[in-house]
Amino acid sequence: MGRRVLAVLAAVVVALVGVVAVLLYAKGADSRAVAGQKPVDVYVAQQVVPAGTTAGDAVANGLMARTQVAAKAVPAGALTAVDDKTSKLLALNDIAPGELVLSSRFGTTPLGQKALQVPDGQVAVAVQLSDPARVGTFVTPGSHIVIYDTYGSSGGNGSAKQTQVLLDDVLVIAMGSSSLTPVQGQSQQTQAQQSGTPTALVTVALAPDTAVKLVHGIQTGELYLGLRGTDAKVQGTKAVTDTTLFAK
């Protein structure tokens, strides 16, 4: 009889422990969900913030405004405060209207001395592209992009083309609207200019040996950008040709 009582008591204790564990887990999950929904202050550009503008002036003049978004929707490095420390920092490049401002958009380098920050050991290469080819206005300094190259095939049919990933993860360090003289062979960019389609420069930072590949692609092919997602797996993507485009 005593053993049965002990067994029942043990079962009750185990059940209670299980219930408590479930309740604690549920409470933790609720806390995490609430934390993800908690509003966080960020800054969004209301108008163009010209390069060289201090963060304090941008806020004071209405070029940037503070707004609140859910914590889980805030990208890493978002500018969350303009205080005594950050108000004197300068916009390193123009910030486009509607852009959620990142802290990396501001620095201490005065405009006119070195407006473009190139990471140590890398070189900056500028590519002129139409709006569709550069993902419209969604690519901004700090974005990571994929660069595709479409070029003529060396096969028997001289008119055949193929497209493949040229560079799978490239850091954008500047966006600019100044024009470059289009090089021979860049029919896409040339057609865009002739048709009046807006074009702009996308400046990226690359290791010297990788930059050579991009320059060759600029000179010989037609380039197109893709904006990378966090978990995008681009490396190893197969080339697509005229004959394999619709292959299953």
C-alpha atoms as a PDB file:
ATOM      1  CA  MET A   1       0.000   0.000   0.000  1.00  0.00           C
ATOM      2  CA  GLY A   2       2.819   2.354   0.941  1.00  0.00           C
ATOM      3  CA  ARG A   3       4.504   1.720  -2.391  1.00  0.00           C
ATOM      4  CA  ARG A   4       1.340   2.582  -4.260  1.00  0.00           C
ATOM      5  CA  VAL A   5       1.038   5.859  -2.388  1.00  0.00           C
ATOM      6  CA  LEU A   6       4.637   6.685  -3.142  1.00  0.00           C
ATOM      7  CA  ALA A   7       4.127   5.851  -6.825  1.00  0.00           C
ATOM      8  CA  VAL A   8       1.043   8.070  -6.989  1.00  0.00           C
ATOM      9  CA  LEU A   9       2.852  10.900  -5.256  1.00  0.00           C
ATOM     10  CA  ALA A  10       5.813  10.527  -7.621  1.00  0.00           C
ATOM     11  CA  ALA A  11       3.479  10.648 -10.632  1.00  0.00           C
ATOM     12  CA  VAL A  12       1.814  13.766  -9.264  1.00  0.00           C
ATOM     13  CA  VAL A  13       5.195  15.452  -8.724  1.00  0.00           C
ATOM     14  CA  VAL A  14       6.301  14.576 -12.266  1.00  0.00           C
ATOM     15  CA  ALA A  15       3.033  15.923 -13.665  1.00  0.00           C
ATOM     16  CA  LEU A  16       3.402  19.146 -11.696  1.00  0.00           C
ATOM     17  CA  VAL A  17       6.980  19.567 -12.911  1.00  0.00           C
ATOM     18  CA  GLY A  18       5.780  19.064 -16.467  1.00  0.00           C
ATOM     19  CA  VAL A  19       3.014  21.628 -16.076  1.00  0.00           C
ATOM     20  CA  VAL A  20       5.419  24.150 -14.560  1.00  0.00           C
ATOM     21  CA  ALA A  21       7.921  23.572 -17.391  1.00  0.00           C
ATOM     22  CA  VAL A  22       5.214  24.128 -20.026  1.00  0.00           C
ATOM     23  CA  LEU A  23       4.024  27.289 -18.289  1.00  0.00           C
ATOM     24  CA  LEU A  24       7.567  28.646 -18.044  1.00  0.00           C
ATOM     25  CA  TYR A  25       8.213  27.897 -21.722  1.00  0.00           C
ATOM     26  CA  ALA A  26       4.964  29.558 -22.771  1.00  0.00           C
ATOM     27  CA  LYS A  27       5.770  32.583 -20.647  1.00  0.00           C
ATOM     28  CA  GLY A  28       9.229  32.819 -22.220  1.00  0.00           C
ATOM     29  CA  ALA A  29       7.763  32.518 -25.719  1.00  0.00           C
ATOM     30  CA  ASP A  30       5.258  35.265 -24.927  1.00  0.00           C
ATOM     31  CA  SER A  31       8.066  37.457 -23.599  1.00  0.00           C
ATOM     32  CA  ARG A  32      10.085  36.921 -26.760  1.00  0.00           C
ATOM     33  CA  ALA A  33       7.081  37.696 -28.951  1.00  0.00           C
ATOM     34  CA  VAL A  34       6.344  40.864 -26.976  1.00  0.00           C
ATOM     35  CA  ALA A  35      10.010  41.908 -27.213  1.00  0.00           C
ATOM     36  CA  GLY A  36       9.901  41.445 -30.982  1.00  0.00           C
ATOM     37  CA  GLN A  37       6.843  43.698 -31.225  1.00  0.00           C
ATOM     38  CA  LYS A  38       8.227  46.359 -28.906  1.00  0.00           C
ATOM     39  CA  PRO A  39       8.533  49.650 -30.842  1.00  0.00           C
ATOM     40  CA  VAL A  40      12.037  50.974 -31.469  1.00  0.00           C
ATOM     41  CA  ASP A  41      12.948  54.499 -32.587  1.00  0.00           C
ATOM     42  CA  VAL A  42      14.641  54.692 -35.995  1.00  0.00           C
ATOM     43  CA  TYR A  43      15.242  57.477 -38.505  1.00  0.00           C
ATOM     44  CA  VAL A  44      13.859  57.625 -42.029  1.00  0.00           C
ATOM     45  CA  ALA A  45      14.939  60.161 -44.663  1.00  0.00           C
ATOM     46  CA  GLN A  46      12.050  62.479 -45.601  1.00  0.00           C
ATOM     47  CA  GLN A  47      14.032  64.308 -48.273  1.00  0.00           C
ATOM     48  CA  VAL A  48      17.453  63.884 -49.837  1.00  0.00           C
ATOM     49  CA  VAL A  49      20.128  64.250 -47.164  1.00  0.00           C
ATOM     50  CA  PRO A  50      23.105  65.645 -49.107  1.00  0.00           C
ATOM     51  CA  ALA A  51      26.561  64.237 -48.433  1.00  0.00           C
ATOM     52  CA  GLY A  52      28.337  66.337 -45.818  1.00  0.00           C
ATOM     53  CA  THR A  53      25.166  67.205 -43.874  1.00  0.00           C
ATOM     54  CA  THR A  54      25.476  66.595 -40.137  1.00  0.00           C
ATOM     55  CA  ALA A  55      22.978  64.241 -38.549  1.00  0.00           C
ATOM     56  CA  GLY A  56      21.854  67.037 -36.230  1.00  0.00           C
ATOM     57  CA  ASP A  57      21.166  69.422 -39.111  1.00  0.00           C
ATOM     58  CA  ALA A  58      19.351  66.705 -41.045  1.00  0.00           C
ATOM     59  CA  VAL A  59      16.946  66.230 -38.137  1.00  0.00           C
ATOM     60  CA  ALA A  60      16.615  69.948 -37.375  1.00  0.00           C
ATOM     61  CA  ASN A  61      15.817  70.755 -41.020  1.00  0.00           C
ATOM     62  CA  GLY A  62      13.300  67.945 -41.414  1.00  0.00           C
ATOM     63  CA  LEU A  63      15.465  65.920 -43.795  1.00  0.00           C
ATOM     64  CA  MET A  64      15.272  62.952 -41.418  1.00  0.00           C
ATOM     65  CA  ALA A  65      12.446  62.136 -39.048  1.00  0.00           C
ATOM     66  CA  ARG A  66      12.206  59.712 -36.160  1.00  0.00           C
ATOM     67  CA  THR A  67       9.613  56.980 -36.388  1.00  0.00           C
ATOM     68  CA  GLN A  68       8.846  53.753 -34.556  1.00  0.00           C
ATOM     69  CA  VAL A  69       8.878  50.238 -35.962  1.00  0.00           C
ATOM     70  CA  ALA A  70       8.672  46.800 -34.365  1.00  0.00           C
ATOM     71  CA  ALA A  71      12.002  45.667 -32.934  1.00  0.00           C
ATOM     72  CA  LYS A  72      12.092  42.533 -35.091  1.00  0.00           C
ATOM     73  CA  ALA A  73      11.795  44.672 -38.238  1.00  0.00           C
ATOM     74  CA  VAL A  74      14.761  46.916 -37.417  1.00  0.00           C
ATOM     75  CA  PRO A  75      17.822  46.076 -39.561  1.00  0.00           C
ATOM     76  CA  ALA A  76      21.206  45.705 -37.908  1.00  0.00           C
ATOM     77  CA  GLY A  77      23.014  49.013 -37.609  1.00  0.00           C
ATOM     78  CA  ALA A  78      19.924  51.219 -37.875  1.00  0.00           C
ATOM     79  CA  LEU A  79      20.378  54.761 -36.556  1.00  0.00           C
ATOM     80  CA  THR A  80      18.283  54.807 -33.381  1.00  0.00           C
ATOM     81  CA  ALA A  81      19.414  58.069 -31.752  1.00  0.00           C
ATOM     82  CA  VAL A  82      20.807  61.460 -32.760  1.00  0.00           C
ATOM     83  CA  ASP A  83      22.491  62.714 -29.613  1.00  0.00           C
ATOM     84  CA  ASP A  84      25.527  64.818 -28.691  1.00  0.00           C
ATOM     85  CA  LYS A  85      27.820  62.103 -30.014  1.00  0.00           C
ATOM     86  CA  THR A  86      26.116  61.413 -33.334  1.00  0.00           C
ATOM     87  CA  SER A  87      24.675  64.833 -34.171  1.00  0.00           C
ATOM     88  CA  LYS A  88      28.023  66.132 -35.465  1.00  0.00           C
ATOM     89  CA  LEU A  89      28.715  63.166 -37.753  1.00  0.00           C
ATOM     90  CA  LEU A  90      28.560  63.841 -41.491  1.00  0.00           C
ATOM     91  CA  ALA A  91      26.555  62.016 -44.158  1.00  0.00           C
ATOM     92  CA  LEU A  92      29.192  60.180 -46.200  1.00  0.00           C
ATOM     93  CA  ASN A  93      26.928  59.988 -49.266  1.00  0.00           C
ATOM     94  CA  ASP A  94      23.546  61.316 -50.342  1.00  0.00           C
ATOM     95  CA  ILE A  95      20.724  59.567 -48.471  1.00  0.00           C
ATOM     96  CA  ALA A  96      17.633  59.003 -50.599  1.00  0.00           C
ATOM     97  CA  PRO A  97      14.091  59.897 -49.475  1.00  0.00           C
ATOM     98  CA  GLY A  98      12.289  56.991 -47.828  1.00  0.00           C
ATOM     99  CA  GLU A  99      15.518  55.269 -46.835  1.00  0.00           C
ATOM    100  CA  LEU A 100      15.727  53.816 -43.335  1.00  0.00           C
ATOM    101  CA  VAL A 101      18.959  55.406 -42.164  1.00  0.00           C
ATOM    102  CA  LEU A 102      21.838  53.210 -41.018  1.00  0.00           C
ATOM    103  CA  SER A 103      24.502  54.440 -38.598  1.00  0.00           C
ATOM    104  CA  SER A 104      27.137  53.583 -41.206  1.00  0.00           C
ATOM    105  CA  ARG A 105      25.776  56.364 -43.445  1.00  0.00           C
ATOM    106  CA  PHE A 106      27.424  58.910 -41.128  1.00  0.00           C
ATOM    107  CA  GLY A 107      31.089  59.369 -40.275  1.00  0.00           C
ATOM    108  CA  THR A 108      33.770  61.896 -39.377  1.00  0.00           C
ATOM    109  CA  THR A 109      35.361  62.391 -42.806  1.00  0.00           C
ATOM    110  CA  PRO A 110      34.532  65.921 -44.046  1.00  0.00           C
ATOM    111  CA  LEU A 111      33.018  66.315 -47.504  1.00  0.00           C
ATOM    112  CA  GLY A 112      35.637  67.223 -50.075  1.00  0.00           C
ATOM    113  CA  GLN A 113      38.554  65.513 -48.345  1.00  0.00           C
ATOM    114  CA  LYS A 114      37.515  61.929 -48.922  1.00  0.00           C
ATOM    115  CA  ALA A 115      33.811  61.588 -49.572  1.00  0.00           C
ATOM    116  CA  LEU A 116      34.059  57.902 -50.496  1.00  0.00           C
ATOM    117  CA  GLN A 117      35.131  55.399 -47.861  1.00  0.00           C
ATOM    118  CA  VAL A 118      36.908  52.417 -49.452  1.00  0.00           C
ATOM    119  CA  PRO A 119      37.630  49.495 -47.104  1.00  0.00           C
ATOM    120  CA  ASP A 120      41.307  48.801 -46.487  1.00  0.00           C
ATOM    121  CA  GLY A 121      42.871  46.500 -49.043  1.00  0.00           C
ATOM    122  CA  GLN A 122      40.048  46.927 -51.557  1.00  0.00           C
ATOM    123  CA  VAL A 123      39.351  49.103 -54.585  1.00  0.00           C
ATOM    124  CA  ALA A 124      36.196  50.941 -55.640  1.00  0.00           C
ATOM    125  CA  VAL A 125      34.675  50.184 -59.040  1.00  0.00           C
ATOM    126  CA  ALA A 126      31.689  52.079 -60.455  1.00  0.00           C
ATOM    127  CA  VAL A 127      29.088  50.470 -62.729  1.00  0.00           C
ATOM    128  CA  GLN A 128      26.503  52.454 -64.675  1.00  0.00           C
ATOM    129  CA  LEU A 129      23.130  50.729 -64.806  1.00  0.00           C
ATOM    130  CA  SER A 130      19.519  51.480 -65.625  1.00  0.00           C
ATOM    131  CA  ASP A 131      16.908  51.546 -62.856  1.00  0.00           C
ATOM    132  CA  PRO A 132      15.674  47.980 -63.455  1.00  0.00           C
ATOM    133  CA  ALA A 133      19.214  46.618 -63.675  1.00  0.00           C
ATOM    134  CA  ARG A 134      20.127  48.127 -60.295  1.00  0.00           C
ATOM    135  CA  VAL A 135      16.910  47.112 -58.471  1.00  0.00           C
ATOM    136  CA  GLY A 136      15.483  50.626 -58.652  1.00  0.00           C
ATOM    137  CA  THR A 137      16.182  52.733 -55.575  1.00  0.00           C
ATOM    138  CA  PHE A 138      16.283  49.791 -53.178  1.00  0.00           C
ATOM    139  CA  VAL A 139      20.057  49.316 -53.380  1.00  0.00           C
ATOM    140  CA  THR A 140      21.777  51.724 -50.985  1.00  0.00           C
ATOM    141  CA  PRO A 141      25.278  52.052 -49.537  1.00  0.00           C
ATOM    142  CA  GLY A 142      25.806  49.120 -47.231  1.00  0.00           C
ATOM    143  CA  SER A 143      23.677  46.753 -49.336  1.00  0.00           C
ATOM    144  CA  HIS A 144      25.068  43.408 -50.450  1.00  0.00           C
ATOM    145  CA  ILE A 145      24.322  42.519 -54.059  1.00  0.00           C
ATOM    146  CA  VAL A 146      24.756  39.783 -56.635  1.00  0.00           C
ATOM    147  CA  ILE A 147      26.125  40.789 -60.063  1.00  0.00           C
ATOM    148  CA  TYR A 148      24.962  38.815 -63.098  1.00  0.00           C
ATOM    149  CA  ASP A 149      26.650  38.964 -66.501  1.00  0.00           C
ATOM    150  CA  THR A 150      25.025  38.212 -69.855  1.00  0.00           C
ATOM    151  CA  TYR A 151      27.475  37.697 -72.694  1.00  0.00           C
ATOM    152  CA  GLY A 152      27.792  36.143 -76.137  1.00  0.00           C
ATOM    153  CA  SER A 153      28.450  32.419 -76.222  1.00  0.00           C
ATOM    154  CA  SER A 154      31.600  31.073 -77.863  1.00  0.00           C
ATOM    155  CA  GLY A 155      29.652  28.110 -79.249  1.00  0.00           C
ATOM    156  CA  GLY A 156      28.753  27.391 -82.853  1.00  0.00           C
ATOM    157  CA  ASN A 157      25.917  29.901 -82.876  1.00  0.00           C
ATOM    158  CA  GLY A 158      27.606  33.278 -82.535  1.00  0.00           C
ATOM    159  CA  SER A 159      24.325  34.996 -81.599  1.00  0.00           C
ATOM    160  CA  ALA A 160      23.646  32.714 -78.605  1.00  0.00           C
ATOM    161  CA  LYS A 161      23.928  34.272 -75.176  1.00  0.00           C
ATOM    162  CA  GLN A 162      24.285  32.979 -71.662  1.00  0.00           C
ATOM    163  CA  THR A 163      23.852  34.504 -68.230  1.00  0.00           C
ATOM    164  CA  GLN A 164      25.590  33.523 -65.036  1.00  0.00           C
ATOM    165  CA  VAL A 165      26.599  34.890 -61.659  1.00  0.00           C
ATOM    166  CA  LEU A 166      29.726  37.001 -62.032  1.00  0.00           C
ATOM    167  CA  LEU A 167      30.098  37.952 -58.345  1.00  0.00           C
ATOM    168  CA  ASP A 168      27.905  36.441 -55.653  1.00  0.00           C
ATOM    169  CA  ASP A 169      28.373  38.855 -52.730  1.00  0.00           C
ATOM    170  CA  VAL A 170      29.468  42.452 -53.301  1.00  0.00           C
ATOM    171  CA  LEU A 171      29.364  45.405 -50.906  1.00  0.00           C
ATOM    172  CA  VAL A 172      27.858  48.655 -52.235  1.00  0.00           C
ATOM    173  CA  ILE A 173      29.708  51.697 -50.872  1.00  0.00           C
ATOM    174  CA  ALA A 174      28.069  54.501 -52.874  1.00  0.00           C
ATOM    175  CA  MET A 175      25.174  55.369 -55.168  1.00  0.00           C
ATOM    176  CA  GLY A 176      25.464  58.315 -57.531  1.00  0.00           C
ATOM    177  CA  SER A 177      23.588  59.845 -60.432  1.00  0.00           C
ATOM    178  CA  SER A 178      26.588  61.173 -62.377  1.00  0.00           C
ATOM    179  CA  SER A 179      27.079  59.689 -65.827  1.00  0.00           C
ATOM    180  CA  LEU A 180      29.924  57.767 -67.391  1.00  0.00           C
ATOM    181  CA  THR A 181      30.577  57.555 -71.120  1.00  0.00           C
ATOM    182  CA  PRO A 182      29.111  54.157 -72.032  1.00  0.00           C
ATOM    183  CA  VAL A 183      31.668  51.663 -73.235  1.00  0.00           C
ATOM    184  CA  GLN A 184      31.332  49.790 -76.488  1.00  0.00           C
ATOM    185  CA  GLY A 185      29.428  46.551 -76.082  1.00  0.00           C
ATOM    186  CA  GLN A 186      27.140  47.679 -73.268  1.00  0.00           C
ATOM    187  CA  SER A 187      24.004  47.684 -75.393  1.00  0.00           C
ATOM    188  CA  GLN A 188      21.682  47.557 -72.382  1.00  0.00           C
ATOM    189  CA  GLN A 189      23.078  50.725 -70.826  1.00  0.00           C
ATOM    190  CA  THR A 190      23.290  52.480 -74.193  1.00  0.00           C
ATOM    191  CA  GLN A 191      19.674  51.652 -75.015  1.00  0.00           C
ATOM    192  CA  ALA A 192      18.607  52.885 -71.590  1.00  0.00           C
ATOM    193  CA  GLN A 193      20.270  56.239 -72.178  1.00  0.00           C
ATOM    194  CA  GLN A 194      18.788  56.631 -75.656  1.00  0.00           C
ATOM    195  CA  SER A 195      15.292  55.761 -74.427  1.00  0.00           C
ATOM    196  CA  GLY A 196      15.506  58.196 -71.535  1.00  0.00           C
ATOM    197  CA  THR A 197      15.468  55.475 -68.866  1.00  0.00           C
ATOM    198  CA  PRO A 198      17.159  56.824 -65.712  1.00  0.00           C
ATOM    199  CA  THR A 199      20.665  55.535 -65.143  1.00  0.00           C
ATOM    200  CA  ALA A 200      22.940  55.824 -62.141  1.00  0.00           C
ATOM    201  CA  LEU A 201      26.286  54.712 -60.840  1.00  0.00           C
ATOM    202  CA  VAL A 202      26.599  51.862 -58.380  1.00  0.00           C
ATOM    203  CA  THR A 203      30.020  51.907 -56.704  1.00  0.00           C
ATOM    204  CA  VAL A 204      31.211  48.711 -55.066  1.00  0.00           C
ATOM    205  CA  ALA A 205      34.262  47.681 -53.046  1.00  0.00           C
ATOM    206  CA  LEU A 206      36.194  44.616 -54.173  1.00  0.00           C
ATOM    207  CA  ALA A 207      39.494  42.882 -53.636  1.00  0.00           C
ATOM    208  CA  PRO A 208      41.917  43.832 -56.467  1.00  0.00           C
ATOM    209  CA  ASP A 209      41.842  40.395 -58.134  1.00  0.00           C
ATOM    210  CA  THR A 210      38.020  40.347 -58.050  1.00  0.00           C
ATOM    211  CA  ALA A 211      37.767  43.918 -59.325  1.00  0.00           C
ATOM    212  CA  VAL A 212      39.518  42.815 -62.525  1.00  0.00           C
ATOM    213  CA  LYS A 213      36.661  40.385 -63.217  1.00  0.00           C
ATOM    214  CA  LEU A 214      34.065  43.118 -62.774  1.00  0.00           C
ATOM    215  CA  VAL A 215      35.930  45.541 -65.044  1.00  0.00           C
ATOM    216  CA  HIS A 216      36.138  42.861 -67.734  1.00  0.00           C
ATOM    217  CA  GLY A 217      32.427  42.192 -67.353  1.00  0.00           C
ATOM    218  CA  ILE A 218      31.691  45.920 -67.702  1.00  0.00           C
ATOM    219  CA  GLN A 219      33.710  46.070 -70.908  1.00  0.00           C
ATOM    220  CA  THR A 220      32.356  42.932 -72.573  1.00  0.00           C
ATOM    221  CA  GLY A 221      28.919  42.038 -71.220  1.00  0.00           C
ATOM    222  CA  GLU A 222      25.600  43.327 -69.946  1.00  0.00           C
ATOM    223  CA  LEU A 223      25.394  43.508 -66.166  1.00  0.00           C
ATOM    224  CA  TYR A 224      22.369  43.144 -63.902  1.00  0.00           C
ATOM    225  CA  LEU A 225      22.173  43.387 -60.123  1.00  0.00           C
ATOM    226  CA  GLY A 226      20.242  41.384 -57.551  1.00  0.00           C
ATOM    227  CA  LEU A 227      19.731  42.520 -53.960  1.00  0.00           C
ATOM    228  CA  ARG A 228      20.837  39.717 -51.642  1.00  0.00           C
ATOM    229  CA  GLY A 229      18.551  38.369 -48.961  1.00  0.00           C
ATOM    230  CA  THR A 230      20.012  37.324 -45.621  1.00  0.00           C
ATOM    231  CA  ASP A 231      20.018  33.585 -46.330  1.00  0.00           C
ATOM    232  CA  ALA A 232      20.374  33.687 -50.123  1.00  0.00           C
ATOM    233  CA  LYS A 233      22.542  30.860 -51.470  1.00  0.00           C
ATOM    234  CA  VAL A 234      23.866  32.163 -54.786  1.00  0.00           C
ATOM    235  CA  GLN A 235      27.236  30.488 -55.089  1.00  0.00           C
ATOM    236  CA  GLY A 236      27.117  27.521 -57.457  1.00  0.00           C
ATOM    237  CA  THR A 237      24.107  28.788 -59.438  1.00  0.00           C
ATOM    238  CA  LYS A 238      24.196  27.267 -62.930  1.00  0.00           C
ATOM    239  CA  ALA A 239      24.563  29.414 -66.039  1.00  0.00           C
ATOM    240  CA  VAL A 240      21.474  29.837 -68.224  1.00  0.00           C
ATOM    241  CA  THR A 241      21.730  29.797 -72.016  1.00  0.00           C
ATOM    242  CA  ASP A 242      19.253  30.339 -74.838  1.00  0.00           C
ATOM    243  CA  THR A 243      18.755  26.578 -75.079  1.00  0.00           C
ATOM    244  CA  THR A 244      18.421  25.863 -71.347  1.00  0.00           C
ATOM    245  CA  LEU A 245      16.184  28.807 -70.464  1.00  0.00           C
ATOM    246  CA  PHE A 246      13.000  26.760 -70.580  1.00  0.00           C
ATOM    247  CA  ALA A 247      14.514  23.375 -69.771  1.00  0.00           C
ATOM    248  CA  LYS A 248      12.998  21.496 -66.842  1.00  0.00           C
END
